[in-house]
């Protein structure tokens, strides 16, 4: 789903029609709605958003979590709450499914082996998922939901666009090394990948013009000010732009076969922006053997004049 298609994303049109400000930053949400805190756990924080999204029966407002490491200057993307019109799980999820079908189209309700009822819509990186349980549920969110309410989880699919400086970096990209991509992984498969909120400061929209020049490689901008790569993972990948001032070191995690088949993962450890603390490790690529990425890590780290470390062997449990 390209950038033009995203303008007509049914989930985003649903937000717009019902007045939900889905591109509001966390800092703006906190300024307007305040920040809730758990009385017994000071690290447990969240925002409550009073928006109905065209639905009735909310047992509590929409919520999005806030925790150390999340950038405050980007939109919150993950929201959730519960809806209940009574004590019947099937009726609750059925009501939400029928109402949202008017906005998003028809999606079936399925029943899992454990009796969980589910329904899901996905358009590009945005998704809405419903869950209802026949057994009373007394967990999740603040306060814990009880009874047979329908749980609704929303991923807005928001992804940052390139800044003017990042556009210059992308247009001047110079590859340093090839990354091991499986044949079935294509740049188009990145279109539907939602972004981990923790990594939002370094991930950019893969539908931006010119990203294809980066796909399959890792390299630098011509001025050597930024590291660019598309992650080569077994699942959906992401397009990263990391200023070199944020790049600390490279690390290879090495697993020998045990219950699992083993393998290796190459990480770049980064310094987050000023609103977060500590460090952040971004996955660059994976390989089936525990030592398959050793030479690649040494090559990249040497070219960038950064340290690298080969992790101790651990069993793939």
Protein backbone atom coordinates (compact mmCIF):
# COMPACT_ATOMS: atom_id res chain seq x y z
CA UNK A 1 0.00 0.00 0.00
CA UNK A 2 1.78 3.13 -1.24
CA UNK A 3 1.59 6.66 0.17
CA UNK A 4 -1.22 7.66 -2.21
CA UNK A 5 -3.18 4.55 -1.24
CA UNK A 6 -2.70 5.35 2.45
CA UNK A 7 -4.67 8.58 1.92
CA UNK A 8 -7.68 6.36 1.23
CA UNK A 9 -6.97 3.82 3.96
CA UNK A 10 -10.42 2.80 5.32
CA UNK A 11 -9.18 2.86 8.92
CA UNK A 12 -7.83 6.40 8.54
CA UNK A 13 -11.06 7.49 6.84
CA UNK A 14 -12.96 5.99 9.80
CA UNK A 15 -10.84 8.07 12.18
CA UNK A 16 -11.43 11.20 10.15
CA UNK A 17 -15.18 10.63 9.87
CA UNK A 18 -15.59 10.09 13.62
CA UNK A 19 -13.23 12.91 14.61
CA UNK A 20 -10.42 10.85 16.12
CA UNK A 21 -7.11 12.82 16.00
CA UNK A 22 -4.93 9.82 15.17
CA UNK A 23 -1.87 11.91 14.19
CA UNK A 24 -1.68 13.71 17.56
CA UNK A 25 1.70 13.29 19.27
CA UNK A 26 2.09 11.76 22.73
CA UNK A 27 3.19 15.14 24.06
CA UNK A 28 -0.02 16.71 22.73
CA UNK A 29 -2.15 13.90 24.17
CA UNK A 30 -0.56 14.37 27.60
CA UNK A 31 -1.01 18.15 27.44
CA UNK A 32 -4.70 17.82 26.56
CA UNK A 33 -5.72 14.69 28.51
CA UNK A 34 -3.16 14.36 31.28
CA UNK A 35 -1.21 11.28 32.30
CA UNK A 36 -2.66 8.53 34.48
CA UNK A 37 -0.44 6.62 36.91
CA UNK A 38 -0.89 3.41 38.85
CA UNK A 39 -0.90 4.12 42.58
CA UNK A 40 1.19 1.02 43.30
CA UNK A 41 3.52 1.05 40.28
CA UNK A 42 4.93 4.45 39.27
CA UNK A 43 6.27 3.04 35.98
CA UNK A 44 2.74 2.08 34.85
CA UNK A 45 1.48 5.16 32.97
CA UNK A 46 -1.14 5.71 30.31
CA UNK A 47 -3.29 8.29 28.52
CA UNK A 48 -7.09 8.13 28.40
CA UNK A 49 -8.77 9.49 25.25
CA UNK A 50 -12.50 10.30 25.31
CA UNK A 51 -13.46 9.45 21.73
CA UNK A 52 -16.33 7.15 20.75
CA UNK A 53 -15.26 6.31 17.16
CA UNK A 54 -18.94 5.85 16.32
CA UNK A 55 -19.39 3.08 18.92
CA UNK A 56 -21.41 2.81 22.12
CA UNK A 57 -20.90 0.83 25.30
CA UNK A 58 -17.34 1.80 26.19
CA UNK A 59 -16.50 0.45 29.65
CA UNK A 60 -13.56 2.86 29.84
CA UNK A 61 -11.93 5.41 27.53
CA UNK A 62 -9.51 4.48 24.78
CA UNK A 63 -6.05 4.09 26.28
CA UNK A 64 -2.50 4.24 25.04
CA UNK A 65 0.50 3.34 27.20
CA UNK A 66 3.37 5.68 28.00
CA UNK A 67 6.69 4.33 29.20
CA UNK A 68 10.38 5.22 29.25
CA UNK A 69 11.91 4.92 25.80
CA UNK A 70 8.90 6.13 23.81
CA UNK A 71 9.49 9.35 21.83
CA UNK A 72 7.07 12.08 22.87
CA UNK A 73 7.23 14.01 19.59
CA UNK A 74 5.67 11.27 17.42
CA UNK A 75 2.04 10.11 17.35
CA UNK A 76 0.81 7.37 19.63
CA UNK A 77 -0.09 4.44 17.38
CA UNK A 78 -1.47 1.72 19.69
CA UNK A 79 -4.83 2.21 21.40
CA UNK A 80 -7.20 -0.16 23.18
CA UNK A 81 -10.24 -0.48 25.41
CA UNK A 82 -13.40 -2.55 25.98
CA UNK A 83 -17.01 -2.32 24.81
CA UNK A 84 -19.91 -4.07 26.51
CA UNK A 85 -23.67 -3.91 25.98
CA UNK A 86 -24.34 -6.84 28.32
CA UNK A 87 -22.97 -10.12 29.63
CA UNK A 88 -22.92 -12.02 26.32
CA UNK A 89 -19.52 -12.20 24.60
CA UNK A 90 -20.97 -13.04 21.18
CA UNK A 91 -23.44 -10.15 21.29
CA UNK A 92 -20.73 -7.70 22.35
CA UNK A 93 -18.28 -8.57 19.60
CA UNK A 94 -21.14 -8.89 17.11
CA UNK A 95 -22.28 -5.34 17.82
CA UNK A 96 -18.79 -3.91 17.33
CA UNK A 97 -18.21 -6.00 14.20
CA UNK A 98 -21.48 -4.88 12.60
CA UNK A 99 -20.89 -1.23 13.45
CA UNK A 100 -17.32 -1.16 12.16
CA UNK A 101 -18.30 -3.05 9.01
CA UNK A 102 -20.15 0.07 7.90
CA UNK A 103 -16.81 1.92 7.97
CA UNK A 104 -14.30 -0.83 7.17
CA UNK A 105 -16.19 -3.46 5.19
CA UNK A 106 -17.24 -6.92 6.30
CA UNK A 107 -14.79 -9.07 8.31
CA UNK A 108 -15.76 -12.47 9.75
CA UNK A 109 -15.85 -13.41 13.41
CA UNK A 110 -13.84 -16.57 14.02
CA UNK A 111 -13.69 -18.86 17.05
CA UNK A 112 -10.36 -20.14 18.37
CA UNK A 113 -9.69 -23.51 19.97
CA UNK A 114 -9.94 -21.85 23.39
CA UNK A 115 -13.34 -20.37 22.54
CA UNK A 116 -11.96 -16.86 21.97
CA UNK A 117 -13.98 -14.88 19.43
CA UNK A 118 -11.92 -12.72 17.09
CA UNK A 119 -12.41 -10.30 14.22
CA UNK A 120 -9.75 -8.29 12.40
CA UNK A 121 -9.40 -5.66 9.70
CA UNK A 122 -6.01 -4.72 8.22
CA UNK A 123 -5.24 -2.14 5.54
CA UNK A 124 -1.54 -1.62 4.96
CA UNK A 125 0.16 -1.16 8.34
CA UNK A 126 -3.10 -0.10 10.06
CA UNK A 127 -5.28 -2.67 11.80
CA UNK A 128 -8.24 -3.11 14.15
CA UNK A 129 -8.66 -6.33 16.11
CA UNK A 130 -11.57 -7.44 18.28
CA UNK A 131 -11.50 -10.18 20.92
CA UNK A 132 -14.22 -11.49 23.19
CA UNK A 133 -14.08 -14.28 25.76
CA UNK A 134 -16.76 -16.61 27.05
CA UNK A 135 -14.85 -16.91 30.33
CA UNK A 136 -14.99 -13.79 32.49
CA UNK A 137 -11.89 -11.67 31.94
CA UNK A 138 -10.35 -9.68 34.76
CA UNK A 139 -7.14 -8.41 33.26
CA UNK A 140 -5.70 -5.82 30.87
CA UNK A 141 -5.94 -2.05 30.92
CA UNK A 142 -6.86 0.29 33.74
CA UNK A 143 -8.87 -0.78 35.69
CA UNK A 144 -9.00 -4.46 34.63
CA UNK A 145 -12.02 -5.26 32.48
CA UNK A 146 -14.54 -7.73 33.82
CA UNK A 147 -17.18 -9.97 32.29
CA UNK A 148 -17.48 -10.71 28.58
CA UNK A 149 -16.69 -7.32 27.09
CA UNK A 150 -15.27 -7.01 23.58
CA UNK A 151 -11.67 -5.94 23.61
CA UNK A 152 -10.74 -3.56 20.77
CA UNK A 153 -7.11 -2.98 19.77
CA UNK A 154 -6.13 -0.36 17.21
CA UNK A 155 -2.82 0.15 15.43
CA UNK A 156 -3.11 3.38 13.44
CA UNK A 157 -0.27 2.36 11.12
CA UNK A 158 1.28 5.84 11.26
CA UNK A 159 4.85 5.94 9.94
CA UNK A 160 7.15 8.97 9.74
CA UNK A 161 7.86 10.59 6.38
CA UNK A 162 11.33 11.76 5.38
CA UNK A 163 12.54 15.15 6.53
CA UNK A 164 14.25 17.35 3.88
CA UNK A 165 17.66 16.35 5.29
CA UNK A 166 16.75 12.67 5.24
CA UNK A 167 15.65 13.01 1.61
CA UNK A 168 19.16 14.27 0.78
CA UNK A 169 20.67 11.34 2.67
CA UNK A 170 18.50 8.82 0.84
CA UNK A 171 19.16 10.32 -2.59
CA UNK A 172 22.92 10.14 -1.98
CA UNK A 173 22.94 6.60 -0.55
CA UNK A 174 26.17 4.61 -1.07
CA UNK A 175 25.98 0.86 -0.25
CA UNK A 176 28.64 -0.69 2.00
CA UNK A 177 27.53 -4.33 2.05
CA UNK A 178 24.80 -6.67 0.87
CA UNK A 179 22.38 -8.08 3.45
CA UNK A 180 21.08 -11.68 3.40
CA UNK A 181 17.49 -11.43 2.20
CA UNK A 182 15.33 -14.47 1.51
CA UNK A 183 13.93 -14.52 -2.05
CA UNK A 184 10.33 -14.10 -0.91
CA UNK A 185 11.11 -10.88 1.00
CA UNK A 186 10.42 -7.88 -1.22
CA UNK A 187 10.22 -4.15 -0.65
CA UNK A 188 6.47 -4.40 -1.29
CA UNK A 189 6.18 -6.69 1.75
CA UNK A 190 7.42 -3.78 3.90
CA UNK A 191 4.32 -1.76 2.98
CA UNK A 192 2.10 -3.65 5.42
CA UNK A 193 4.49 -3.66 8.39
CA UNK A 194 3.37 -1.57 11.39
CA UNK A 195 6.17 0.14 13.28
CA UNK A 196 7.29 -0.81 16.77
CA UNK A 197 6.63 2.43 18.74
CA UNK A 198 10.01 2.06 20.45
CA UNK A 199 11.81 2.39 17.10
CA UNK A 200 9.71 5.17 15.62
CA UNK A 201 12.51 7.74 15.78
CA UNK A 202 14.60 5.74 13.29
CA UNK A 203 11.97 4.07 11.06
CA UNK A 204 10.74 5.85 7.94
CA UNK A 205 7.90 5.12 5.53
CA UNK A 206 9.13 2.44 3.07
CA UNK A 207 6.85 3.79 0.32
CA UNK A 208 8.95 6.96 0.01
CA UNK A 209 10.42 7.36 -3.51
CA UNK A 210 13.98 6.03 -3.70
CA UNK A 211 13.85 3.46 -0.89
CA UNK A 212 14.41 0.74 -3.49
CA UNK A 213 18.03 1.86 -3.81
CA UNK A 214 18.57 0.86 -0.16
CA UNK A 215 16.67 -2.45 -0.24
CA UNK A 216 19.08 -5.38 0.05
CA UNK A 217 22.02 -3.29 1.30
CA UNK A 218 23.33 -1.30 4.22
CA UNK A 219 25.26 1.88 3.61
CA UNK A 220 25.90 5.55 4.21
CA UNK A 221 24.73 8.86 2.85
CA UNK A 222 27.34 10.60 0.71
CA UNK A 223 28.25 12.97 3.53
CA UNK A 224 28.68 9.95 5.86
CA UNK A 225 26.23 11.52 8.30
CA UNK A 226 23.60 8.76 8.25
CA UNK A 227 23.37 4.97 8.20
CA UNK A 228 20.58 3.59 6.00
CA UNK A 229 19.26 0.02 5.67
CA UNK A 230 16.15 -2.07 5.21
CA UNK A 231 16.10 -4.75 7.88
CA UNK A 232 16.35 -8.29 6.54
CA UNK A 233 14.19 -10.26 8.98
CA UNK A 234 12.22 -13.48 8.64
CA UNK A 235 9.02 -11.47 9.08
CA UNK A 236 8.10 -8.00 7.80
CA UNK A 237 10.99 -5.55 7.75
CA UNK A 238 11.45 -1.82 8.19
CA UNK A 239 13.37 0.99 6.51
CA UNK A 240 15.78 2.75 8.89
CA UNK A 241 17.69 6.03 8.78
CA UNK A 242 20.05 6.42 11.74
CA UNK A 243 22.26 9.52 12.14
CA UNK A 244 25.84 8.38 12.61
CA UNK A 245 26.01 10.42 15.82
CA UNK A 246 23.53 7.87 17.21
CA UNK A 247 25.43 4.73 16.11
CA UNK A 248 27.37 3.21 19.01
CA UNK A 249 28.38 -0.33 18.08
CA UNK A 250 27.36 -3.57 16.33
CA UNK A 251 26.58 -6.87 17.99
CA UNK A 252 25.93 -10.42 16.76
CA UNK A 253 23.66 -12.66 18.81
CA UNK A 254 24.66 -16.31 18.24
CA UNK A 255 22.41 -19.30 18.93
CA UNK A 256 23.37 -22.96 18.55
CA UNK A 257 20.67 -25.54 17.77
CA UNK A 258 18.69 -26.91 20.71
CA UNK A 259 14.90 -26.98 20.71
CA UNK A 260 15.20 -24.38 17.99
CA UNK A 261 17.38 -24.56 14.92
CA UNK A 262 19.88 -21.91 16.00
CA UNK A 263 20.99 -18.92 13.97
CA UNK A 264 22.40 -15.43 14.30
CA UNK A 265 21.10 -11.86 14.39
CA UNK A 266 23.06 -8.68 13.68
CA UNK A 267 22.12 -5.61 15.73
CA UNK A 268 23.18 -1.97 15.67
CA UNK A 269 23.11 -0.35 19.09
CA UNK A 270 21.94 3.26 18.97
CA UNK A 271 21.72 6.23 21.27
CA UNK A 272 18.07 7.38 21.41
CA UNK A 273 16.93 11.00 21.14
CA UNK A 274 16.94 13.44 24.03
CA UNK A 275 13.44 12.43 25.19
CA UNK A 276 14.48 8.85 25.92
CA UNK A 277 17.16 7.17 28.00
CA UNK A 278 19.56 4.26 27.72
CA UNK A 279 20.26 2.62 24.39
CA UNK A 280 18.27 0.93 21.65
CA UNK A 281 19.20 -2.12 19.56
CA UNK A 282 17.85 -2.32 16.00
CA UNK A 283 17.83 -5.64 14.15
CA UNK A 284 19.64 -5.44 10.81
CA UNK A 285 19.46 -9.03 9.54
CA UNK A 286 19.24 -12.68 10.48
CA UNK A 287 20.94 -15.83 9.20
CA UNK A 288 20.42 -19.58 9.82
CA UNK A 289 23.90 -20.38 11.21
CA UNK A 290 25.36 -19.06 14.49
CA UNK A 291 28.49 -17.72 12.73
CA UNK A 292 26.96 -16.68 9.40
CA UNK A 293 27.03 -12.95 10.23
CA UNK A 294 30.47 -12.67 11.89
CA UNK A 295 32.30 -11.47 8.78
CA UNK A 296 29.49 -9.09 7.79
CA UNK A 297 29.51 -7.49 11.24
CA UNK A 298 33.28 -7.01 11.08
CA UNK A 299 33.03 -5.53 7.57
CA UNK A 300 30.30 -3.01 8.48
CA UNK A 301 31.83 -2.01 11.80
CA UNK A 302 35.24 -1.52 10.19
CA UNK A 303 33.85 0.64 7.41
CA UNK A 304 31.99 2.81 9.93
CA UNK A 305 34.81 2.84 12.49
CA UNK A 306 32.60 1.50 15.23
CA UNK A 307 33.26 -1.41 17.61
CA UNK A 308 31.54 -4.76 17.17
CA UNK A 309 31.06 -7.75 19.44
CA UNK A 310 30.36 -11.40 18.79
CA UNK A 311 28.06 -12.69 21.53
CA UNK A 312 28.69 -15.84 23.48
CA UNK A 313 27.06 -18.97 22.08
CA UNK A 314 23.69 -19.69 23.64
CA UNK A 315 21.30 -22.58 23.11
CA UNK A 316 18.26 -21.82 20.97
CA UNK A 317 15.68 -22.84 23.54
